Every structure is written in C-alpha cells, then in structure tokens.
Amino acid sequence: MNLKALAALCIAIAAGMTAPVSHAGPVLDRVKASGTVRVCIWPDYYGITYRNPRNQQLGGVDIELSAEFARKLGVKLEYVESSFAKLIEDVTTDRCEIAMHAVGITPQRQQSLRFSQPYLRSDVYGVTTRSSRVVQSWADIDKPGVNVAVQAGTFMEPVMAAALKQAKMVVIRPPQTREQELEAGRVDVFMTDFPYSRRLLDNADWARLIAPPQPFHPVPYAYAVKPGDDAWLRVVDEFVAEIKRDGRLERVAKKYGLGEIVVPR
C-alpha cells in the first residue's frame, strides 16, 4: 500500500470513529423533520392532563412535563386528544408519537405498547356518595347487589373484573360518566386512581373517598410509545430520568397535589 492510499485509509478510519454510533431512529427523525412532537393526552384526567371546563385551559403534571419534553427536543408541541379506551389505537397508528397522560403499565397494554421507566404509582380507590347506605367501607364494595362502576379502558377495568366475586361491574363509556351514574343511583360506587380522586375531593362536596385498608393493586404509570423504535424509547427514558434527577417531576407533582405518588429515581 502506497503512502497516499495509507493516508486515505487513516482518514476514513478517523471519520468512522467520530461518526454517530447509532441512528437517531425513525420517530425522532420524523419529529425533527416536522418540527413538532404530537402528544396524546386524555383531557378529562384531573391533575394530569385536564381541560378546565370554565376556561378550556389545559393543566396538570403532564401538560407541564410535555412542554418540557418538547423544549428538550427543540420542537413545537401539538396535543392529540385521546383516552384510555383509544390509547393503543392512537399510539400504534401514529396519531401521536407519545402518550403522556399517566398511562398505567398493565400486561394487556404491554402486549401492544412500550413504556418508559415509571414516574408515578397509584393504587385503586372507591368513590361513593356521603349519603350512601350501601357502601360505607372498602369491605362493602364486593357484596351481592352492589353495582361497581369502572371507566372503559382504564386499568381499573381488568383489575376489578378479576377482583370482584359478588358485586356487579358496570363499564362506563362516553357520553356517560362515572359521576353521573353514581349521582343518579345507577351504580353504588366507582373505582378510580389517586389523581382522579382529587377531582372529586376538590370539587364535589357530595363525594366520599373509600381507600383500601392495605395496598390493593398499585400500578406504575409511565409514558407510552409505539413498539419498534428503541432509539425513541431511549430518548423518552432519558427525559424521565432527567426530570427525576433535577427535581422537576417532584416539583410539578407537588403543585398538583400528587407528590405522594411520585416514583423516586
């Protein structure tokens, strides 16, 4: 090999050593090319991604953190309204690049989605009326004749389907709401998580929270993405690690009354 060829080889090797070790991935490429990251949210999720009916403004932990995520990527933020019932379809058909609305990690969802490391964790709670004579404690929930409501698509649906042995489970789908069915007397209690329970306690003087006497079924919450792009999942995971490490997660969770369900680093 002559000196000219040797020099060319050395330059090629040096260039290879300084090149990126891995491709950014199709999702991040698409986000960068479009200049926008599309984030799926459920606008009825109090404290997480909630649209205030009075002024139509979005607020909550993941509204603030999604803005931080877009800022980290250097792109604009676009919200895509979704729900837990539509979650898998919306993420896997590319209506959004990521779901950021405290998605519970369940075996059913893990079959279709990929999850970041968890950042919140919640157990199951019951909500009934203060005047209820049917349900006054956790032990009253699973009894014959009791109608127990769950929101379609939430992790409460499979959990309560497996847990209830005597009570009847009623699955609530829009336009009906769990609150309306409870106030109308068509159900005796509905099951929810810690964030959503704050909505009732903050806004409904008729509601009473029924907490389990011991851990019942704690579920970790994370951000969800479509399978097949490990590079994108790493970007999301790095973001979760950052907001845990620098205190942003804890600060924003405390702001919305959710500090006690933060998953520490």
Protein backbone atom coordinates (compact mmCIF):
# COMPACT_ATOMS: atom_id res chain seq x y z
CA MET A 1 0.00 0.00 0.00
CA ASN A 2 1.47 3.38 -1.04
CA LEU A 3 1.58 6.41 1.26
CA LYS A 4 -1.35 8.11 -0.47
CA ALA A 5 -3.60 5.04 -0.03
CA LEU A 6 -2.47 4.64 3.58
CA ALA A 7 -3.31 8.27 4.32
CA ALA A 8 -6.77 7.84 2.77
CA LEU A 9 -7.37 4.76 4.90
CA CYS A 10 -6.36 6.59 8.08
CA ILE A 11 -8.72 9.45 7.26
CA ALA A 12 -11.59 7.01 6.67
CA ILE A 13 -10.93 5.24 9.96
CA ALA A 14 -10.78 8.54 11.84
CA ALA A 15 -14.05 9.67 10.25
CA GLY A 16 -15.68 6.41 11.26
CA MET A 17 -14.53 6.83 14.84
CA THR A 18 -16.12 10.27 15.11
CA ALA A 19 -19.40 9.36 13.37
CA PRO A 20 -22.52 8.73 15.46
CA VAL A 21 -22.56 5.21 16.81
CA SER A 22 -26.27 4.73 16.15
CA HIS A 23 -29.05 6.17 14.05
CA ALA A 24 -31.46 8.57 15.72
CA GLY A 25 -34.42 6.37 14.80
CA PRO A 26 -37.43 6.96 12.52
CA VAL A 27 -39.65 8.63 15.12
CA LEU A 28 -37.08 11.20 16.21
CA ASP A 29 -36.19 11.79 12.56
CA ARG A 30 -39.85 12.47 11.81
CA VAL A 31 -40.23 14.77 14.82
CA LYS A 32 -37.14 16.76 13.85
CA ALA A 33 -38.21 16.96 10.20
CA SER A 34 -41.70 18.19 11.04
CA GLY A 35 -40.54 20.42 13.88
CA THR A 36 -43.40 19.13 16.03
CA VAL A 37 -43.92 16.36 18.57
CA ARG A 38 -47.51 15.09 18.81
CA VAL A 39 -48.50 14.10 22.33
CA CYS A 40 -51.62 12.09 23.12
CA ILE A 41 -53.49 13.23 26.22
CA TRP A 42 -56.80 12.48 27.94
CA PRO A 43 -58.26 15.93 28.66
CA ASP A 44 -60.52 14.62 31.41
CA TYR A 45 -57.67 13.46 33.65
CA TYR A 46 -57.66 15.77 36.67
CA GLY A 47 -54.21 16.80 37.85
CA ILE A 48 -52.59 15.09 34.86
CA THR A 49 -53.92 16.44 31.53
CA TYR A 50 -57.14 18.21 32.49
CA ARG A 51 -59.07 20.77 30.45
CA ASN A 52 -60.78 23.20 32.80
CA PRO A 53 -64.42 23.47 31.64
CA ARG A 54 -64.58 27.09 32.77
CA ASN A 55 -61.79 28.46 30.60
CA GLN A 56 -60.84 25.49 28.37
CA GLN A 57 -57.24 25.73 29.55
CA LEU A 58 -55.20 22.55 29.89
CA GLY A 59 -53.32 21.96 33.11
CA GLY A 60 -51.70 19.19 35.12
CA VAL A 61 -48.48 17.32 35.67
CA ASP A 62 -48.15 16.02 32.12
CA ILE A 63 -49.20 19.25 30.48
CA GLU A 64 -46.20 20.91 32.11
CA LEU A 65 -43.86 17.97 31.57
CA SER A 66 -44.85 17.52 27.92
CA ALA A 67 -43.89 21.15 27.37
CA GLU A 68 -40.52 20.37 28.97
CA PHE A 69 -40.14 17.35 26.69
CA ALA A 70 -40.82 19.40 23.55
CA ARG A 71 -38.35 22.02 24.77
CA LYS A 72 -35.71 19.32 25.24
CA LEU A 73 -36.25 18.18 21.65
CA GLY A 74 -36.25 21.73 20.33
CA VAL A 75 -39.62 21.34 18.61
CA LYS A 76 -43.19 22.60 18.89
CA LEU A 77 -45.80 20.74 20.91
CA GLU A 78 -49.11 19.51 19.48
CA TYR A 79 -51.72 17.80 21.66
CA VAL A 80 -53.84 14.96 20.29
CA GLU A 81 -56.96 14.27 22.33
CA SER A 82 -57.19 10.61 23.21
CA SER A 83 -58.49 8.41 26.03
CA PHE A 84 -57.56 5.17 27.70
CA ALA A 85 -60.07 3.33 25.51
CA LYS A 86 -58.40 4.72 22.35
CA LEU A 87 -54.83 4.76 23.69
CA ILE A 88 -53.40 1.73 21.90
CA GLU A 89 -55.03 2.57 18.58
CA ASP A 90 -53.91 6.21 18.68
CA VAL A 91 -50.29 5.38 19.52
CA THR A 92 -49.85 2.42 17.18
CA THR A 93 -51.49 4.17 14.19
CA ASP A 94 -49.18 7.19 14.59
CA ARG A 95 -51.78 9.74 15.62
CA CYS A 96 -49.16 10.76 18.15
CA GLU A 97 -45.51 9.99 18.82
CA ILE A 98 -46.03 9.50 22.55
CA ALA A 99 -48.84 9.24 25.09
CA MET A 100 -48.16 11.44 28.10
CA HIS A 101 -51.13 11.07 30.44
CA ALA A 102 -50.01 8.82 33.28
CA VAL A 103 -50.53 5.54 31.45
CA GLY A 104 -50.72 2.58 33.81
CA ILE A 105 -48.36 -0.25 32.90
CA THR A 106 -50.56 -3.34 32.59
CA PRO A 107 -49.91 -6.75 31.00
CA GLN A 108 -52.61 -6.06 28.41
CA ARG A 109 -51.03 -2.77 27.30
CA GLN A 110 -47.52 -4.22 27.31
CA GLN A 111 -48.61 -6.53 24.52
CA SER A 112 -49.12 -3.52 22.22
CA LEU A 113 -47.05 -0.63 23.63
CA ARG A 114 -43.62 0.12 25.02
CA PHE A 115 -43.19 2.07 28.25
CA SER A 116 -40.65 4.41 29.76
CA GLN A 117 -39.47 3.91 33.30
CA PRO A 118 -42.36 4.73 35.68
CA TYR A 119 -42.68 8.19 37.20
CA LEU A 120 -45.92 7.88 39.22
CA ARG A 121 -47.62 4.99 41.02
CA SER A 122 -51.23 4.76 42.21
CA ASP A 123 -53.45 2.27 43.94
CA VAL A 124 -57.19 1.82 43.35
CA TYR A 125 -59.74 3.87 45.32
CA GLY A 126 -63.50 3.81 45.57
CA VAL A 127 -65.74 6.88 45.34
CA THR A 128 -69.28 6.86 46.67
CA THR A 129 -71.74 9.44 47.98
CA ARG A 130 -71.66 10.73 51.54
CA SER A 131 -75.27 9.62 51.94
CA SER A 132 -74.72 6.06 50.68
CA ARG A 133 -76.01 3.33 52.97
CA VAL A 134 -74.83 0.59 50.62
CA VAL A 135 -71.09 1.33 50.55
CA GLN A 136 -69.56 2.80 53.69
CA SER A 137 -66.23 0.97 53.76
CA TRP A 138 -63.93 -0.98 51.44
CA ALA A 139 -65.41 -4.24 52.70
CA ASP A 140 -68.84 -3.20 51.41
CA ILE A 141 -67.76 -2.95 47.78
CA ASP A 142 -67.68 -6.63 46.83
CA LYS A 143 -71.07 -7.70 48.10
CA PRO A 144 -74.15 -9.08 46.32
CA GLY A 145 -76.35 -6.39 44.81
CA VAL A 146 -73.61 -3.72 44.69
CA ASN A 147 -73.03 -2.08 41.29
CA VAL A 148 -69.39 -1.09 40.86
CA ALA A 149 -68.53 1.28 38.01
CA VAL A 150 -65.23 1.50 36.14
CA GLN A 151 -64.19 3.73 33.25
CA ALA A 152 -63.79 1.81 29.98
CA GLY A 153 -60.17 1.33 29.00
CA THR A 154 -58.65 2.21 32.37
CA PHE A 155 -56.58 -0.29 34.32
CA MET A 156 -59.44 -0.49 36.82
CA GLU A 157 -61.46 -2.47 34.28
CA PRO A 158 -59.33 -5.65 34.21
CA VAL A 159 -58.31 -5.27 37.87
CA MET A 160 -61.87 -5.11 39.16
CA ALA A 161 -63.08 -7.76 36.73
CA ALA A 162 -60.64 -10.15 38.37
CA ALA A 163 -61.20 -8.92 41.93
CA LEU A 164 -64.99 -8.77 42.18
CA LYS A 165 -66.58 -12.05 43.19
CA GLN A 166 -70.07 -10.97 44.28
CA ALA A 167 -70.68 -7.39 43.13
CA LYS A 168 -71.59 -6.47 39.55
CA MET A 169 -69.12 -4.47 37.49
CA VAL A 170 -70.55 -1.73 35.26
CA VAL A 171 -68.30 -0.40 32.49
CA ILE A 172 -68.91 3.29 31.78
CA ARG A 173 -68.35 4.65 28.28
CA PRO A 174 -68.79 8.21 26.97
CA PRO A 175 -71.01 10.17 26.90
CA GLN A 176 -71.92 8.69 30.31
CA THR A 177 -69.61 9.48 33.23
CA ARG A 178 -68.98 7.65 36.47
CA GLU A 179 -70.07 10.70 38.47
CA GLN A 180 -73.41 10.95 36.66
CA GLU A 181 -74.14 7.25 37.10
CA LEU A 182 -73.27 7.47 40.80
CA GLU A 183 -75.35 10.58 41.46
CA ALA A 184 -78.28 9.05 39.56
CA GLY A 185 -78.13 5.95 41.75
CA ARG A 186 -77.48 3.54 38.88
CA VAL A 187 -74.18 2.49 40.49
CA ASP A 188 -73.22 2.42 44.16
CA VAL A 189 -69.51 3.17 43.88
CA PHE A 190 -66.96 3.76 41.16
CA MET A 191 -63.32 2.82 41.15
CA THR A 192 -60.60 5.26 40.23
CA ASP A 193 -56.99 6.18 40.94
CA PHE A 194 -55.34 8.73 43.19
CA PRO A 195 -55.14 11.61 40.66
CA TYR A 196 -58.76 11.34 39.56
CA SER A 197 -59.95 11.03 43.16
CA ARG A 198 -58.50 14.52 43.78
CA ARG A 199 -61.05 15.90 41.32
CA LEU A 200 -63.95 14.67 43.41
CA LEU A 201 -62.47 15.72 46.71
CA ASP A 202 -61.65 19.18 45.37
CA ASN A 203 -64.93 19.83 43.58
CA ALA A 204 -67.75 17.63 44.85
CA ASP A 205 -68.97 18.01 48.42
CA TRP A 206 -71.27 15.00 47.95
CA ALA A 207 -68.38 12.57 47.28
CA ARG A 208 -66.66 10.31 49.78
CA LEU A 209 -63.38 8.52 49.14
CA ILE A 210 -63.03 4.86 50.10
CA ALA A 211 -59.38 3.92 50.45
CA PRO A 212 -58.24 0.29 50.68
CA PRO A 213 -57.14 -0.64 54.23
CA GLN A 214 -53.92 -2.05 52.76
CA PRO A 215 -52.30 -1.94 49.31
CA PHE A 216 -54.83 -3.39 46.87
CA HIS A 217 -53.35 -3.14 43.39
CA PRO A 218 -50.68 -0.41 42.99
CA VAL A 219 -49.90 0.29 39.34
CA PRO A 220 -46.87 2.19 37.99
CA TYR A 221 -47.54 4.98 35.48
CA ALA A 222 -45.26 5.77 32.54
CA TYR A 223 -45.17 7.29 29.07
CA ALA A 224 -46.17 5.01 26.19
CA VAL A 225 -44.78 4.75 22.67
CA LYS A 226 -45.22 2.52 19.66
CA PRO A 227 -43.03 -0.63 19.54
CA GLY A 228 -40.23 -0.90 17.02
CA ASP A 229 -38.10 2.18 17.68
CA ASP A 230 -35.75 1.58 20.60
CA ALA A 231 -33.93 4.86 19.93
CA TRP A 232 -37.12 6.85 20.51
CA LEU A 233 -37.86 4.93 23.69
CA ARG A 234 -34.35 5.75 24.94
CA VAL A 235 -34.97 9.46 24.30
CA VAL A 236 -38.17 9.26 26.37
CA ASP A 237 -36.48 7.25 29.11
CA GLU A 238 -33.63 9.75 29.31
CA PHE A 239 -36.15 12.55 29.74
CA VAL A 240 -37.88 10.74 32.63
CA ALA A 241 -34.50 10.13 34.29
CA GLU A 242 -33.65 13.84 33.92
CA ILE A 243 -36.87 15.16 35.47
CA LYS A 244 -36.44 12.79 38.40
CA ARG A 245 -32.81 13.72 38.89
CA ASP A 246 -33.17 17.50 38.68
CA GLY A 247 -36.34 17.69 40.77
CA ARG A 248 -38.74 18.90 38.07
CA LEU A 249 -41.00 15.86 38.45
CA GLU A 250 -41.32 16.24 42.21
CA ARG A 251 -41.94 20.00 41.98
CA VAL A 252 -44.70 19.77 39.40
CA ALA A 253 -46.32 16.76 41.11
CA LYS A 254 -46.50 18.65 44.42
CA LYS A 255 -48.02 21.62 42.60
CA TYR A 256 -50.99 19.46 41.60
CA GLY A 257 -51.29 17.58 44.89
CA LEU A 258 -49.72 14.39 43.57
CA GLY A 259 -46.38 14.48 45.39
CA GLU A 260 -47.08 11.34 47.38
CA ILE A 261 -47.38 9.13 44.29
CA VAL A 262 -44.07 10.15 42.65
CA VAL A 263 -41.73 7.28 41.85
CA PRO A 264 -38.26 8.37 43.03
CA ARG A 265 -35.11 7.82 41.00
